[in-house]
Amino acid sequence: MWILSRLSYAVEACNTGFKTYDFPLATTAIYNFWLYELCDWYLVRHSAFHHPCLHWVQSELTLEIIFYFCLRVIIFLLSLLK
């Protein structure tokens, strides 16, 4: 569940950026999570479900639930920027 900890870090950085009006901090946190964590690592590494690192995953549905949760949080954070 490392991706959820990285999402938590991105949300925390966005929250700090919004509170201090440091919008580059917020947008960079969203961008870095989206590109370097979610797309580069989570989707690429877990595109093949039977990866040896996925011994803890019960089903492909678990991967989809985690992905959609991350996606919903990122879309929510982006909606706060407008």
PDB file of N, CA and C in Angstrom:
ATOM      1  N   MET A   1       0.813  -1.195   0.000  1.00  0.00           N
ATOM      2  CA  MET A   1       0.000   0.000   0.000  1.00  0.00           C
ATOM      3  C   MET A   1       0.859   1.263   0.000  1.00  0.00           C
ATOM      4  N   TRP A   2       2.023   1.165  -0.553  1.00  0.00           N
ATOM      5  CA  TRP A   2       2.931   2.310  -0.594  1.00  0.00           C
ATOM      6  C   TRP A   2       2.337   3.461  -1.379  1.00  0.00           C
ATOM      7  N   ILE A   3       1.503   3.175  -2.362  1.00  0.00           N
ATOM      8  CA  ILE A   3       0.938   4.250  -3.180  1.00  0.00           C
ATOM      9  C   ILE A   3       0.025   5.136  -2.335  1.00  0.00           C
ATOM     10  N   LEU A   4      -0.645   4.561  -1.359  1.00  0.00           N
ATOM     11  CA  LEU A   4      -1.516   5.358  -0.496  1.00  0.00           C
ATOM     12  C   LEU A   4      -0.707   6.268   0.419  1.00  0.00           C
ATOM     13  N   SER A   5       0.468   5.821   0.826  1.00  0.00           N
ATOM     14  CA  SER A   5       1.317   6.697   1.632  1.00  0.00           C
ATOM     15  C   SER A   5       1.862   7.843   0.791  1.00  0.00           C
ATOM     16  N   ARG A   6       2.169   7.586  -0.470  1.00  0.00           N
ATOM     17  CA  ARG A   6       2.623   8.646  -1.364  1.00  0.00           C
ATOM     18  C   ARG A   6       1.491   9.622  -1.670  1.00  0.00           C
ATOM     19  N   LEU A   7       0.271   9.106  -1.793  1.00  0.00           N
ATOM     20  CA  LEU A   7      -0.896   9.967  -1.985  1.00  0.00           C
ATOM     21  C   LEU A   7      -1.100  10.850  -0.762  1.00  0.00           C
ATOM     22  N   SER A   8      -0.931  10.284   0.409  1.00  0.00           N
ATOM     23  CA  SER A   8      -1.067  11.054   1.642  1.00  0.00           C
ATOM     24  C   SER A   8      -0.041  12.182   1.700  1.00  0.00           C
ATOM     25  N   TYR A   9       1.170  11.903   1.280  1.00  0.00           N
ATOM     26  CA  TYR A   9       2.204  12.930   1.249  1.00  0.00           C
ATOM     27  C   TYR A   9       1.827  14.042   0.258  1.00  0.00           C
ATOM     28  N   ALA A  10       1.289  13.675  -0.904  1.00  0.00           N
ATOM     29  CA  ALA A  10       0.883  14.678  -1.893  1.00  0.00           C
ATOM     30  C   ALA A  10      -0.261  15.535  -1.366  1.00  0.00           C
ATOM     31  N   VAL A  11      -1.218  14.922  -0.690  1.00  0.00           N
ATOM     32  CA  VAL A  11      -2.340  15.673  -0.116  1.00  0.00           C
ATOM     33  C   VAL A  11      -1.831  16.627   0.963  1.00  0.00           C
ATOM     34  N   GLU A  12      -0.907  16.162   1.777  1.00  0.00           N
ATOM     35  CA  GLU A  12      -0.343  17.016   2.821  1.00  0.00           C
ATOM     36  C   GLU A  12       0.404  18.208   2.220  1.00  0.00           C
ATOM     37  N   ALA A  13       1.168  17.973   1.165  1.00  0.00           N
ATOM     38  CA  ALA A  13       1.882  19.063   0.500  1.00  0.00           C
ATOM     39  C   ALA A  13       0.899  20.050  -0.129  1.00  0.00           C
ATOM     40  N   CYS A  14      -0.172  19.536  -0.725  1.00  0.00           N
ATOM     41  CA  CYS A  14      -1.200  20.425  -1.296  1.00  0.00           C
ATOM     42  C   CYS A  14      -1.867  21.250  -0.208  1.00  0.00           C
ATOM     43  N   ASN A  15      -2.181  20.622   0.887  1.00  0.00           N
ATOM     44  CA  ASN A  15      -2.812  21.330   1.999  1.00  0.00           C
ATOM     45  C   ASN A  15      -1.908  22.450   2.503  1.00  0.00           C
ATOM     46  N   THR A  16      -0.632  22.169   2.639  1.00  0.00           N
ATOM     47  CA  THR A  16       0.321  23.197   3.059  1.00  0.00           C
ATOM     48  C   THR A  16       0.394  24.319   2.033  1.00  0.00           C
ATOM     49  N   GLY A  17       0.422  23.956   0.748  1.00  0.00           N
ATOM     50  CA  GLY A  17       0.466  24.960  -0.308  1.00  0.00           C
ATOM     51  C   GLY A  17      -0.769  25.846  -0.330  1.00  0.00           C
ATOM     52  N   PHE A  18      -1.944  25.250  -0.100  1.00  0.00           N
ATOM     53  CA  PHE A  18      -3.168  26.039  -0.081  1.00  0.00           C
ATOM     54  C   PHE A  18      -3.220  26.966   1.134  1.00  0.00           C
ATOM     55  N   LYS A  19      -2.782  26.472   2.278  1.00  0.00           N
ATOM     56  CA  LYS A  19      -2.827  27.283   3.495  1.00  0.00           C
ATOM     57  C   LYS A  19      -1.873  28.474   3.436  1.00  0.00           C
ATOM     58  N   THR A  20      -0.733  28.289   2.797  1.00  0.00           N
ATOM     59  CA  THR A  20       0.274  29.347   2.733  1.00  0.00           C
ATOM     60  C   THR A  20       0.231  30.117   1.412  1.00  0.00           C
ATOM     61  N   TYR A  21      -0.765  29.846   0.595  1.00  0.00           N
ATOM     62  CA  TYR A  21      -0.907  30.472  -0.727  1.00  0.00           C
ATOM     63  C   TYR A  21       0.315  30.218  -1.603  1.00  0.00           C
ATOM     64  N   ASP A  22       0.937  29.082  -1.413  1.00  0.00           N
ATOM     65  CA  ASP A  22       2.074  28.668  -2.231  1.00  0.00           C
ATOM     66  C   ASP A  22       1.551  27.672  -3.271  1.00  0.00           C
ATOM     67  N   PHE A  23       0.905  28.201  -4.302  1.00  0.00           N
ATOM     68  CA  PHE A  23       0.259  27.350  -5.286  1.00  0.00           C
ATOM     69  C   PHE A  23       1.233  26.521  -6.111  1.00  0.00           C
ATOM     70  N   PRO A  24       2.452  26.983  -6.378  1.00  0.00           N
ATOM     71  CA  PRO A  24       3.408  26.080  -7.051  1.00  0.00           C
ATOM     72  C   PRO A  24       3.709  24.821  -6.233  1.00  0.00           C
ATOM     73  N   LEU A  25       3.707  24.926  -4.920  1.00  0.00           N
ATOM     74  CA  LEU A  25       3.910  23.744  -4.085  1.00  0.00           C
ATOM     75  C   LEU A  25       2.763  22.757  -4.272  1.00  0.00           C
ATOM     76  N   ALA A  26       1.550  23.272  -4.289  1.00  0.00           N
ATOM     77  CA  ALA A  26       0.382  22.404  -4.458  1.00  0.00           C
ATOM     78  C   ALA A  26       0.360  21.756  -5.833  1.00  0.00           C
ATOM     79  N   THR A  27       0.588  22.539  -6.868  1.00  0.00           N
ATOM     80  CA  THR A  27       0.543  21.968  -8.217  1.00  0.00           C
ATOM     81  C   THR A  27       1.702  21.010  -8.468  1.00  0.00           C
ATOM     82  N   THR A  28       2.859  21.292  -7.917  1.00  0.00           N
ATOM     83  CA  THR A  28       3.992  20.385  -8.073  1.00  0.00           C
ATOM     84  C   THR A  28       3.744  19.069  -7.358  1.00  0.00           C
ATOM     85  N   ALA A  29       3.121  19.125  -6.195  1.00  0.00           N
ATOM     86  CA  ALA A  29       2.805  17.893  -5.467  1.00  0.00           C
ATOM     87  C   ALA A  29       1.833  17.024  -6.262  1.00  0.00           C
ATOM     88  N   ILE A  30       0.818  17.658  -6.858  1.00  0.00           N
ATOM     89  CA  ILE A  30      -0.146  16.913  -7.668  1.00  0.00           C
ATOM     90  C   ILE A  30       0.537  16.328  -8.898  1.00  0.00           C
ATOM     91  N   TYR A  31       1.304  17.150  -9.582  1.00  0.00           N
ATOM     92  CA  TYR A  31       1.994  16.715 -10.797  1.00  0.00           C
ATOM     93  C   TYR A  31       2.963  15.575 -10.513  1.00  0.00           C
ATOM     94  N   ASN A  32       3.765  15.725  -9.459  1.00  0.00           N
ATOM     95  CA  ASN A  32       4.748  14.696  -9.144  1.00  0.00           C
ATOM     96  C   ASN A  32       4.085  13.378  -8.761  1.00  0.00           C
ATOM     97  N   PHE A  33       3.001  13.441  -7.999  1.00  0.00           N
ATOM     98  CA  PHE A  33       2.311  12.201  -7.652  1.00  0.00           C
ATOM     99  C   PHE A  33       1.725  11.558  -8.899  1.00  0.00           C
ATOM    100  N   TRP A  34       1.055  12.347  -9.709  1.00  0.00           N
ATOM    101  CA  TRP A  34       0.401  11.812 -10.909  1.00  0.00           C
ATOM    102  C   TRP A  34       1.411  11.176 -11.855  1.00  0.00           C
ATOM    103  N   LEU A  35       2.482  11.900 -12.149  1.00  0.00           N
ATOM    104  CA  LEU A  35       3.425  11.424 -13.158  1.00  0.00           C
ATOM    105  C   LEU A  35       4.403  10.400 -12.604  1.00  0.00           C
ATOM    106  N   TYR A  36       5.046  10.707 -11.493  1.00  0.00           N
ATOM    107  CA  TYR A  36       6.155   9.880 -11.033  1.00  0.00           C
ATOM    108  C   TYR A  36       5.747   8.744 -10.100  1.00  0.00           C
ATOM    109  N   GLU A  37       4.622   8.874  -9.429  1.00  0.00           N
ATOM    110  CA  GLU A  37       4.193   7.798  -8.526  1.00  0.00           C
ATOM    111  C   GLU A  37       3.109   6.935  -9.163  1.00  0.00           C
ATOM    112  N   LEU A  38       2.002   7.577  -9.540  1.00  0.00           N
ATOM    113  CA  LEU A  38       0.862   6.804 -10.030  1.00  0.00           C
ATOM    114  C   LEU A  38       1.118   6.235 -11.420  1.00  0.00           C
ATOM    115  N   CYS A  39       1.522   7.066 -12.352  1.00  0.00           N
ATOM    116  CA  CYS A  39       1.716   6.575 -13.728  1.00  0.00           C
ATOM    117  C   CYS A  39       2.993   5.769 -13.888  1.00  0.00           C
ATOM    118  N   ASP A  40       4.115   6.304 -13.424  1.00  0.00           N
ATOM    119  CA  ASP A  40       5.391   5.617 -13.638  1.00  0.00           C
ATOM    120  C   ASP A  40       5.531   4.337 -12.836  1.00  0.00           C
ATOM    121  N   TRP A  41       5.066   4.326 -11.622  1.00  0.00           N
ATOM    122  CA  TRP A  41       5.271   3.155 -10.786  1.00  0.00           C
ATOM    123  C   TRP A  41       4.038   2.285 -10.668  1.00  0.00           C
ATOM    124  N   TYR A  42       2.946   2.854 -10.225  1.00  0.00           N
ATOM    125  CA  TYR A  42       1.782   2.018  -9.922  1.00  0.00           C
ATOM    126  C   TYR A  42       1.202   1.376 -11.172  1.00  0.00           C
ATOM    127  N   LEU A  43       0.931   2.162 -12.195  1.00  0.00           N
ATOM    128  CA  LEU A  43       0.306   1.597 -13.386  1.00  0.00           C
ATOM    129  C   LEU A  43       1.251   0.709 -14.180  1.00  0.00           C
ATOM    130  N   VAL A  44       2.499   1.131 -14.311  1.00  0.00           N
ATOM    131  CA  VAL A  44       3.443   0.346 -15.108  1.00  0.00           C
ATOM    132  C   VAL A  44       3.804  -0.953 -14.397  1.00  0.00           C
ATOM    133  N   ARG A  45       4.108  -0.876 -13.119  1.00  0.00           N
ATOM    134  CA  ARG A  45       4.513  -2.081 -12.392  1.00  0.00           C
ATOM    135  C   ARG A  45       3.361  -3.042 -12.196  1.00  0.00           C
ATOM    136  N   HIS A  46       2.151  -2.543 -12.065  1.00  0.00           N
ATOM    137  CA  HIS A  46       1.021  -3.413 -11.781  1.00  0.00           C
ATOM    138  C   HIS A  46       0.139  -3.658 -12.997  1.00  0.00           C
ATOM    139  N   SER A  47       0.636  -3.314 -14.169  1.00  0.00           N
ATOM    140  CA  SER A  47      -0.170  -3.581 -15.366  1.00  0.00           C
ATOM    141  C   SER A  47      -0.282  -5.083 -15.597  1.00  0.00           C
ATOM    142  N   ALA A  48       0.748  -5.799 -15.268  1.00  0.00           N
ATOM    143  CA  ALA A  48       0.673  -7.259 -15.290  1.00  0.00           C
ATOM    144  C   ALA A  48       0.289  -7.702 -13.884  1.00  0.00           C
ATOM    145  N   PHE A  49      -0.900  -8.242 -13.745  1.00  0.00           N
ATOM    146  CA  PHE A  49      -1.435  -8.543 -12.422  1.00  0.00           C
ATOM    147  C   PHE A  49      -0.611  -9.574 -11.660  1.00  0.00           C
ATOM    148  N   HIS A  50      -0.035 -10.520 -12.330  1.00  0.00           N
ATOM    149  CA  HIS A  50       0.682 -11.595 -11.644  1.00  0.00           C
ATOM    150  C   HIS A  50       2.152 -11.258 -11.453  1.00  0.00           C
ATOM    151  N   HIS A  51       2.399 -10.065 -11.042  1.00  0.00           N
ATOM    152  CA  HIS A  51       3.763  -9.617 -10.759  1.00  0.00           C
ATOM    153  C   HIS A  51       4.212 -10.235  -9.434  1.00  0.00           C
ATOM    154  N   PRO A  52       5.490 -10.653  -9.305  1.00  0.00           N
ATOM    155  CA  PRO A  52       5.937 -11.282  -8.061  1.00  0.00           C
ATOM    156  C   PRO A  52       5.847 -10.381  -6.827  1.00  0.00           C
ATOM    157  N   CYS A  53       5.858  -9.083  -7.024  1.00  0.00           N
ATOM    158  CA  CYS A  53       5.775  -8.168  -5.875  1.00  0.00           C
ATOM    159  C   CYS A  53       4.360  -8.065  -5.326  1.00  0.00           C
ATOM    160  N   LEU A  54       3.394  -8.650  -6.006  1.00  0.00           N
ATOM    161  CA  LEU A  54       1.991  -8.476  -5.617  1.00  0.00           C
ATOM    162  C   LEU A  54       1.452  -9.649  -4.819  1.00  0.00           C
ATOM    163  N   HIS A  55       2.247 -10.244  -3.974  1.00  0.00           N
ATOM    164  CA  HIS A  55       1.781 -11.377  -3.201  1.00  0.00           C
ATOM    165  C   HIS A  55       0.675 -11.005  -2.217  1.00  0.00           C
ATOM    166  N   TRP A  56       0.554  -9.725  -1.851  1.00  0.00           N
ATOM    167  CA  TRP A  56      -0.451  -9.299  -0.892  1.00  0.00           C
ATOM    168  C   TRP A  56      -1.800  -8.994  -1.537  1.00  0.00           C
ATOM    169  N   VAL A  57      -1.823  -8.890  -2.854  1.00  0.00           N
ATOM    170  CA  VAL A  57      -3.059  -8.506  -3.543  1.00  0.00           C
ATOM    171  C   VAL A  57      -3.973  -9.720  -3.670  1.00  0.00           C
ATOM    172  N   GLN A  58      -5.196  -9.569  -3.244  1.00  0.00           N
ATOM    173  CA  GLN A  58      -6.149 -10.671  -3.304  1.00  0.00           C
ATOM    174  C   GLN A  58      -6.763 -10.818  -4.692  1.00  0.00           C
ATOM    175  N   SER A  59      -6.969  -9.723  -5.369  1.00  0.00           N
ATOM    176  CA  SER A  59      -7.603  -9.798  -6.679  1.00  0.00           C
ATOM    177  C   SER A  59      -7.255  -8.553  -7.488  1.00  0.00           C
ATOM    178  N   GLU A  60      -7.557  -8.626  -8.754  1.00  0.00           N
ATOM    179  CA  GLU A  60      -7.333  -7.468  -9.610  1.00  0.00           C
ATOM    180  C   GLU A  60      -8.244  -6.321  -9.206  1.00  0.00           C
ATOM    181  N   LEU A  61      -9.356  -6.649  -8.604  1.00  0.00           N
ATOM    182  CA  LEU A  61     -10.293  -5.624  -8.135  1.00  0.00           C
ATOM    183  C   LEU A  61      -9.637  -4.718  -7.095  1.00  0.00           C
ATOM    184  N   THR A  62      -8.770  -5.258  -6.267  1.00  0.00           N
ATOM    185  CA  THR A  62      -8.069  -4.450  -5.268  1.00  0.00           C
ATOM    186  C   THR A  62      -7.222  -3.383  -5.946  1.00  0.00           C
ATOM    187  N   LEU A  63      -6.517  -3.750  -6.997  1.00  0.00           N
ATOM    188  CA  LEU A  63      -5.709  -2.782  -7.736  1.00  0.00           C
ATOM    189  C   LEU A  63      -6.576  -1.676  -8.327  1.00  0.00           C
ATOM    190  N   GLU A  64      -7.725  -2.059  -8.860  1.00  0.00           N
ATOM    191  CA  GLU A  64      -8.623  -1.066  -9.455  1.00  0.00           C
ATOM    192  C   GLU A  64      -9.199  -0.130  -8.404  1.00  0.00           C
ATOM    193  N   ILE A  65      -9.557  -0.653  -7.260  1.00  0.00           N
ATOM    194  CA  ILE A  65     -10.114   0.186  -6.191  1.00  0.00           C
ATOM    195  C   ILE A  65      -9.082   1.203  -5.724  1.00  0.00           C
ATOM    196  N   ILE A  66      -7.848   0.768  -5.528  1.00  0.00           N
ATOM    197  CA  ILE A  66      -6.793   1.685  -5.096  1.00  0.00           C
ATOM    198  C   ILE A  66      -6.540   2.732  -6.167  1.00  0.00           C
ATOM    199  N   PHE A  67      -6.504   2.323  -7.441  1.00  0.00           N
ATOM    200  CA  PHE A  67      -6.279   3.275  -8.525  1.00  0.00           C
ATOM    201  C   PHE A  67      -7.392   4.314  -8.590  1.00  0.00           C
ATOM    202  N   TYR A  68      -8.646   3.871  -8.529  1.00  0.00           N
ATOM    203  CA  TYR A  68      -9.761   4.817  -8.616  1.00  0.00           C
ATOM    204  C   TYR A  68      -9.813   5.740  -7.401  1.00  0.00           C
ATOM    205  N   PHE A  69      -9.435   5.250  -6.234  1.00  0.00           N
ATOM    206  CA  PHE A  69      -9.371   6.106  -5.066  1.00  0.00           C
ATOM    207  C   PHE A  69      -8.332   7.212  -5.271  1.00  0.00           C
ATOM    208  N   CYS A  70      -7.140   6.833  -5.726  1.00  0.00           N
ATOM    209  CA  CYS A  70      -6.092   7.826  -5.997  1.00  0.00           C
ATOM    210  C   CYS A  70      -6.560   8.826  -7.043  1.00  0.00           C
ATOM    211  N   LEU A  71      -7.214   8.336  -8.078  1.00  0.00           N
ATOM    212  CA  LEU A  71      -7.717   9.203  -9.141  1.00  0.00           C
ATOM    213  C   LEU A  71      -8.745  10.197  -8.611  1.00  0.00           C
ATOM    214  N   ARG A  72      -9.653   9.743  -7.771  1.00  0.00           N
ATOM    215  CA  ARG A  72     -10.672  10.634  -7.201  1.00  0.00           C
ATOM    216  C   ARG A  72     -10.049  11.724  -6.334  1.00  0.00           C
ATOM    217  N   VAL A  73      -9.056  11.347  -5.548  1.00  0.00           N
ATOM    218  CA  VAL A  73      -8.404  12.335  -4.677  1.00  0.00           C
ATOM    219  C   VAL A  73      -7.673  13.373  -5.511  1.00  0.00           C
ATOM    220  N   ILE A  74      -6.951  12.946  -6.546  1.00  0.00           N
ATOM    221  CA  ILE A  74      -6.216  13.882  -7.397  1.00  0.00           C
ATOM    222  C   ILE A  74      -7.172  14.806  -8.142  1.00  0.00           C
ATOM    223  N   ILE A  75      -8.271  14.276  -8.635  1.00  0.00           N
ATOM    224  CA  ILE A  75      -9.256  15.133  -9.325  1.00  0.00           C
ATOM    225  C   ILE A  75      -9.854  16.142  -8.345  1.00  0.00           C
ATOM    226  N   PHE A  76     -10.108  15.720  -7.113  1.00  0.00           N
ATOM    227  CA  PHE A  76     -10.614  16.649  -6.107  1.00  0.00           C
ATOM    228  C   PHE A  76      -9.599  17.768  -5.843  1.00  0.00           C
ATOM    229  N   LEU A  77      -8.317  17.396  -5.695  1.00  0.00           N
ATOM    230  CA  LEU A  77      -7.300  18.411  -5.457  1.00  0.00           C
ATOM    231  C   LEU A  77      -7.181  19.375  -6.635  1.00  0.00           C
ATOM    232  N   LEU A  78      -7.298  18.853  -7.843  1.00  0.00           N
ATOM    233  CA  LEU A  78      -7.239  19.736  -9.021  1.00  0.00           C
ATOM    234  C   LEU A  78      -8.436  20.673  -9.063  1.00  0.00           C
ATOM    235  N   SER A  79      -9.583  20.204  -8.591  1.00  0.00           N
ATOM    236  CA  SER A  79     -10.775  21.062  -8.617  1.00  0.00           C
ATOM    237  C   SER A  79     -10.634  22.235  -7.646  1.00  0.00           C
ATOM    238  N   LEU A  80      -9.792  22.091  -6.637  1.00  0.00           N
ATOM    239  CA  LEU A  80      -9.583  23.189  -5.689  1.00  0.00           C
ATOM    240  C   LEU A  80      -8.713  24.296  -6.269  1.00  0.00           C
ATOM    241  N   LEU A  81      -8.006  24.025  -7.353  1.00  0.00           N
ATOM    242  CA  LEU A  81      -7.096  25.008  -7.937  1.00  0.00           C
ATOM    243  C   LEU A  81      -7.801  26.049  -8.776  1.00  0.00           C
ATOM    244  N   LYS A  82      -9.018  25.790  -9.223  1.00  0.00           N
ATOM    245  CA  LYS A  82      -9.653  26.761 -10.121  1.00  0.00           C
ATOM    246  C   LYS A  82     -10.273  27.908  -9.423  1.00  0.00           C
TER     247      LYS A  82
END
